[in-house]
N, C-alpha and C. Protein backbone atom coordinates (compact mmCIF):
# COMPACT_ATOMS: atom_id res chain seq x y z
N GLY A 1 -7.66 10.22 6.67
CA GLY A 1 -8.94 9.88 6.09
C GLY A 1 -9.97 9.63 7.15
N PRO A 2 -11.13 9.19 6.74
CA PRO A 2 -12.20 8.91 7.69
C PRO A 2 -11.84 7.74 8.60
N THR A 3 -12.62 7.58 9.64
CA THR A 3 -12.41 6.47 10.57
C THR A 3 -12.47 5.16 9.79
N PHE A 4 -11.56 4.25 10.10
CA PHE A 4 -11.52 2.97 9.42
C PHE A 4 -12.43 2.00 10.14
N VAL A 5 -13.39 1.43 9.42
CA VAL A 5 -14.37 0.51 10.00
C VAL A 5 -14.44 -0.73 9.12
N GLY A 6 -14.46 -1.89 9.75
CA GLY A 6 -14.61 -3.13 9.01
C GLY A 6 -13.30 -3.58 8.39
N ARG A 7 -13.39 -4.60 7.54
CA ARG A 7 -12.23 -5.16 6.86
C ARG A 7 -11.15 -5.63 7.81
N GLU A 8 -11.54 -6.09 8.99
CA GLU A 8 -10.55 -6.54 9.98
C GLU A 8 -9.71 -7.70 9.45
N HIS A 9 -10.34 -8.63 8.76
CA HIS A 9 -9.61 -9.80 8.23
C HIS A 9 -8.58 -9.35 7.20
N GLU A 10 -9.00 -8.52 6.25
CA GLU A 10 -8.09 -8.04 5.21
C GLU A 10 -6.97 -7.20 5.81
N LEU A 11 -7.31 -6.35 6.78
CA LEU A 11 -6.30 -5.52 7.44
C LEU A 11 -5.29 -6.40 8.17
N ARG A 12 -5.75 -7.43 8.84
CA ARG A 12 -4.84 -8.33 9.56
C ARG A 12 -3.88 -9.01 8.58
N LEU A 13 -4.37 -9.45 7.43
CA LEU A 13 -3.50 -10.07 6.43
C LEU A 13 -2.43 -9.09 5.96
N LEU A 14 -2.81 -7.85 5.75
CA LEU A 14 -1.85 -6.85 5.29
C LEU A 14 -0.86 -6.48 6.38
N VAL A 15 -1.31 -6.39 7.62
CA VAL A 15 -0.40 -6.11 8.73
C VAL A 15 0.57 -7.27 8.92
N ASP A 16 0.09 -8.50 8.77
CA ASP A 16 0.99 -9.66 8.83
C ASP A 16 2.06 -9.54 7.75
N SER A 17 1.68 -9.13 6.56
CA SER A 17 2.64 -8.95 5.47
C SER A 17 3.61 -7.82 5.79
N LEU A 18 3.12 -6.76 6.41
CA LEU A 18 3.98 -5.66 6.83
C LEU A 18 5.02 -6.16 7.83
N GLU A 19 4.60 -6.97 8.79
CA GLU A 19 5.53 -7.53 9.77
C GLU A 19 6.56 -8.44 9.10
N HIS A 20 6.13 -9.18 8.09
CA HIS A 20 7.06 -10.04 7.34
C HIS A 20 8.10 -9.16 6.64
N ALA A 21 7.66 -8.05 6.06
CA ALA A 21 8.58 -7.12 5.39
C ALA A 21 9.54 -6.48 6.39
N GLU A 22 9.04 -6.18 7.59
CA GLU A 22 9.90 -5.59 8.62
C GLU A 22 11.04 -6.53 9.01
N SER A 23 10.84 -7.82 8.80
CA SER A 23 11.89 -8.78 9.14
C SER A 23 12.88 -8.96 8.00
N GLY A 24 12.77 -8.13 6.95
CA GLY A 24 13.76 -8.14 5.89
C GLY A 24 13.34 -8.81 4.60
N HIS A 25 12.11 -9.24 4.50
CA HIS A 25 11.64 -9.90 3.28
C HIS A 25 11.00 -8.90 2.33
N VAL A 26 11.09 -9.18 1.05
CA VAL A 26 10.38 -8.39 0.05
C VAL A 26 8.98 -8.97 -0.06
N VAL A 27 7.97 -8.14 0.06
CA VAL A 27 6.59 -8.58 0.00
C VAL A 27 5.86 -7.78 -1.06
N ARG A 28 5.15 -8.47 -1.94
CA ARG A 28 4.32 -7.80 -2.94
C ARG A 28 2.89 -8.26 -2.74
N ILE A 29 1.98 -7.30 -2.72
CA ILE A 29 0.58 -7.62 -2.51
C ILE A 29 -0.23 -6.91 -3.59
N LEU A 30 -1.18 -7.60 -4.16
CA LEU A 30 -2.09 -7.03 -5.14
C LEU A 30 -3.49 -7.09 -4.55
N VAL A 31 -4.10 -5.93 -4.38
CA VAL A 31 -5.46 -5.85 -3.84
C VAL A 31 -6.38 -5.54 -5.01
N VAL A 32 -7.33 -6.43 -5.27
CA VAL A 32 -8.24 -6.27 -6.40
C VAL A 32 -9.68 -6.38 -5.93
N GLY A 33 -10.56 -5.82 -6.73
CA GLY A 33 -11.99 -5.92 -6.45
C GLY A 33 -12.74 -4.84 -7.19
N PRO A 34 -14.06 -4.91 -7.14
CA PRO A 34 -14.89 -3.93 -7.85
C PRO A 34 -14.66 -2.51 -7.34
N HIS A 35 -14.94 -1.56 -8.22
CA HIS A 35 -14.84 -0.14 -7.89
C HIS A 35 -15.72 0.18 -6.68
N GLY A 36 -15.17 0.94 -5.74
CA GLY A 36 -15.96 1.44 -4.63
C GLY A 36 -16.07 0.55 -3.40
N ILE A 37 -15.32 -0.56 -3.35
CA ILE A 37 -15.47 -1.45 -2.19
C ILE A 37 -14.52 -1.12 -1.05
N GLY A 38 -13.62 -0.12 -1.26
CA GLY A 38 -12.76 0.31 -0.17
C GLY A 38 -11.31 -0.11 -0.26
N LYS A 39 -10.85 -0.48 -1.44
CA LYS A 39 -9.45 -0.91 -1.60
C LYS A 39 -8.49 0.21 -1.24
N THR A 40 -8.75 1.41 -1.76
CA THR A 40 -7.87 2.54 -1.49
C THR A 40 -7.87 2.88 -0.02
N ARG A 41 -9.02 2.86 0.62
CA ARG A 41 -9.10 3.18 2.05
C ARG A 41 -8.36 2.14 2.88
N LEU A 42 -8.48 0.86 2.49
CA LEU A 42 -7.76 -0.20 3.18
C LEU A 42 -6.25 0.01 3.07
N LEU A 43 -5.77 0.33 1.89
CA LEU A 43 -4.34 0.55 1.71
C LEU A 43 -3.87 1.82 2.42
N ALA A 44 -4.73 2.82 2.48
CA ALA A 44 -4.38 4.03 3.23
C ALA A 44 -4.20 3.70 4.71
N GLU A 45 -5.03 2.83 5.23
CA GLU A 45 -4.91 2.44 6.64
C GLU A 45 -3.62 1.66 6.88
N VAL A 46 -3.28 0.77 5.96
CA VAL A 46 -2.01 0.04 6.09
C VAL A 46 -0.84 1.01 5.99
N GLY A 47 -0.93 1.97 5.09
CA GLY A 47 0.12 2.98 4.98
C GLY A 47 0.28 3.78 6.26
N ARG A 48 -0.84 4.13 6.88
CA ARG A 48 -0.80 4.87 8.15
C ARG A 48 -0.13 4.04 9.23
N LEU A 49 -0.50 2.77 9.32
CA LEU A 49 0.10 1.89 10.32
C LEU A 49 1.59 1.70 10.07
N ALA A 50 1.97 1.57 8.80
CA ALA A 50 3.39 1.42 8.46
C ALA A 50 4.16 2.67 8.84
N PHE A 51 3.59 3.84 8.56
CA PHE A 51 4.24 5.11 8.90
C PHE A 51 4.43 5.22 10.41
N GLU A 52 3.41 4.83 11.17
CA GLU A 52 3.52 4.86 12.63
C GLU A 52 4.62 3.96 13.15
N ARG A 53 4.96 2.92 12.36
CA ARG A 53 6.02 2.00 12.75
C ARG A 53 7.38 2.45 12.25
N GLY A 54 7.44 3.61 11.64
CA GLY A 54 8.71 4.15 11.18
C GLY A 54 9.03 3.92 9.73
N ALA A 55 8.12 3.33 8.97
CA ALA A 55 8.37 3.07 7.56
C ALA A 55 8.20 4.36 6.75
N THR A 56 8.88 4.40 5.62
CA THR A 56 8.64 5.43 4.63
C THR A 56 7.53 4.92 3.73
N VAL A 57 6.50 5.72 3.53
CA VAL A 57 5.36 5.31 2.70
C VAL A 57 5.32 6.19 1.46
N ARG A 58 5.30 5.56 0.30
CA ARG A 58 5.24 6.26 -0.98
C ARG A 58 3.95 5.87 -1.69
N TYR A 59 3.29 6.86 -2.28
CA TYR A 59 2.01 6.65 -2.94
C TYR A 59 2.04 7.25 -4.35
N ALA A 60 1.47 6.53 -5.30
CA ALA A 60 1.31 7.06 -6.66
C ALA A 60 0.05 6.48 -7.26
N ARG A 61 -0.59 7.26 -8.09
CA ARG A 61 -1.73 6.75 -8.85
C ARG A 61 -1.19 6.07 -10.10
N GLY A 62 -1.97 5.14 -10.62
CA GLY A 62 -1.55 4.39 -11.80
C GLY A 62 -1.22 5.25 -13.00
N ASP A 63 -1.88 6.41 -13.12
CA ASP A 63 -1.64 7.27 -14.27
C ASP A 63 -0.62 8.38 -13.97
N GLY A 64 -0.02 8.37 -12.79
CA GLY A 64 0.90 9.43 -12.40
C GLY A 64 2.33 8.95 -12.38
N PRO A 65 3.25 9.85 -12.04
CA PRO A 65 4.67 9.45 -11.98
C PRO A 65 4.93 8.53 -10.80
N ALA A 66 5.94 7.72 -10.95
CA ALA A 66 6.33 6.84 -9.85
C ALA A 66 6.85 7.68 -8.69
N PRO A 67 6.60 7.26 -7.47
CA PRO A 67 7.11 8.01 -6.32
C PRO A 67 8.62 7.96 -6.26
N GLU A 68 9.19 8.98 -5.67
CA GLU A 68 10.64 9.05 -5.50
C GLU A 68 11.12 7.93 -4.60
N GLY A 69 12.32 7.46 -4.82
CA GLY A 69 12.90 6.40 -4.01
C GLY A 69 13.37 6.91 -2.66
N THR A 70 13.87 6.01 -1.88
CA THR A 70 14.41 6.35 -0.57
C THR A 70 15.48 5.33 -0.22
N THR A 71 16.29 5.63 0.72
CA THR A 71 17.33 4.68 1.13
C THR A 71 17.16 4.35 2.60
N GLY A 72 17.46 3.13 2.94
CA GLY A 72 17.44 2.71 4.34
C GLY A 72 16.04 2.50 4.89
N GLY A 73 15.90 1.52 5.73
CA GLY A 73 14.65 1.27 6.41
C GLY A 73 13.57 0.67 5.52
N LEU A 74 12.45 0.39 6.14
CA LEU A 74 11.32 -0.20 5.44
C LEU A 74 10.64 0.85 4.58
N VAL A 75 10.34 0.49 3.34
CA VAL A 75 9.62 1.37 2.43
C VAL A 75 8.37 0.65 1.96
N VAL A 76 7.22 1.30 2.08
CA VAL A 76 5.95 0.76 1.60
C VAL A 76 5.55 1.57 0.39
N TRP A 77 5.43 0.91 -0.76
CA TRP A 77 5.03 1.56 -2.00
C TRP A 77 3.58 1.20 -2.28
N VAL A 78 2.73 2.18 -2.48
CA VAL A 78 1.33 1.96 -2.81
C VAL A 78 1.07 2.57 -4.18
N TYR A 79 0.70 1.74 -5.13
CA TYR A 79 0.30 2.20 -6.46
C TYR A 79 -1.20 1.99 -6.58
N ASP A 80 -1.93 3.07 -6.63
CA ASP A 80 -3.39 3.02 -6.69
C ASP A 80 -3.86 3.13 -8.14
N ASP A 81 -4.97 2.49 -8.45
CA ASP A 81 -5.55 2.54 -9.79
C ASP A 81 -4.55 2.12 -10.86
N LEU A 82 -3.88 1.03 -10.61
CA LEU A 82 -2.85 0.55 -11.52
C LEU A 82 -3.42 0.23 -12.90
N HIS A 83 -4.71 -0.06 -12.98
CA HIS A 83 -5.34 -0.35 -14.27
C HIS A 83 -5.30 0.87 -15.19
N GLU A 84 -5.08 2.06 -14.65
CA GLU A 84 -5.00 3.27 -15.46
C GLU A 84 -3.58 3.56 -15.96
N ALA A 85 -2.62 2.76 -15.53
CA ALA A 85 -1.23 3.00 -15.90
C ALA A 85 -0.99 2.66 -17.36
N SER A 86 -0.10 3.42 -17.97
CA SER A 86 0.28 3.13 -19.36
C SER A 86 1.22 1.93 -19.37
N VAL A 87 1.33 1.32 -20.52
CA VAL A 87 2.24 0.18 -20.68
C VAL A 87 3.67 0.63 -20.37
N ALA A 88 4.04 1.83 -20.81
CA ALA A 88 5.40 2.33 -20.59
C ALA A 88 5.69 2.50 -19.09
N SER A 89 4.73 2.98 -18.32
CA SER A 89 4.98 3.19 -16.89
C SER A 89 5.00 1.87 -16.13
N LEU A 90 4.27 0.88 -16.62
CA LEU A 90 4.32 -0.42 -15.97
C LEU A 90 5.69 -1.04 -16.13
């Protein structure tokens, strides 16, 4: 994606959570806010950083199928636009 600018505080919080997950903990994060403020771009940057660290990164839109699973190692799951998901998929 485009160059990542700003959101240093939010990115640091997410990277801290990524490091916590790397140590074997399950971490769940919900990023919320108005449409267009950069939530998807922020999560894309965290996904990129996780991938660079050797994690498997899985992405799905709220209205799409769940991403395929994986075994072994750190897995980062990103569900975008979860408000569009059906009750059955949730």
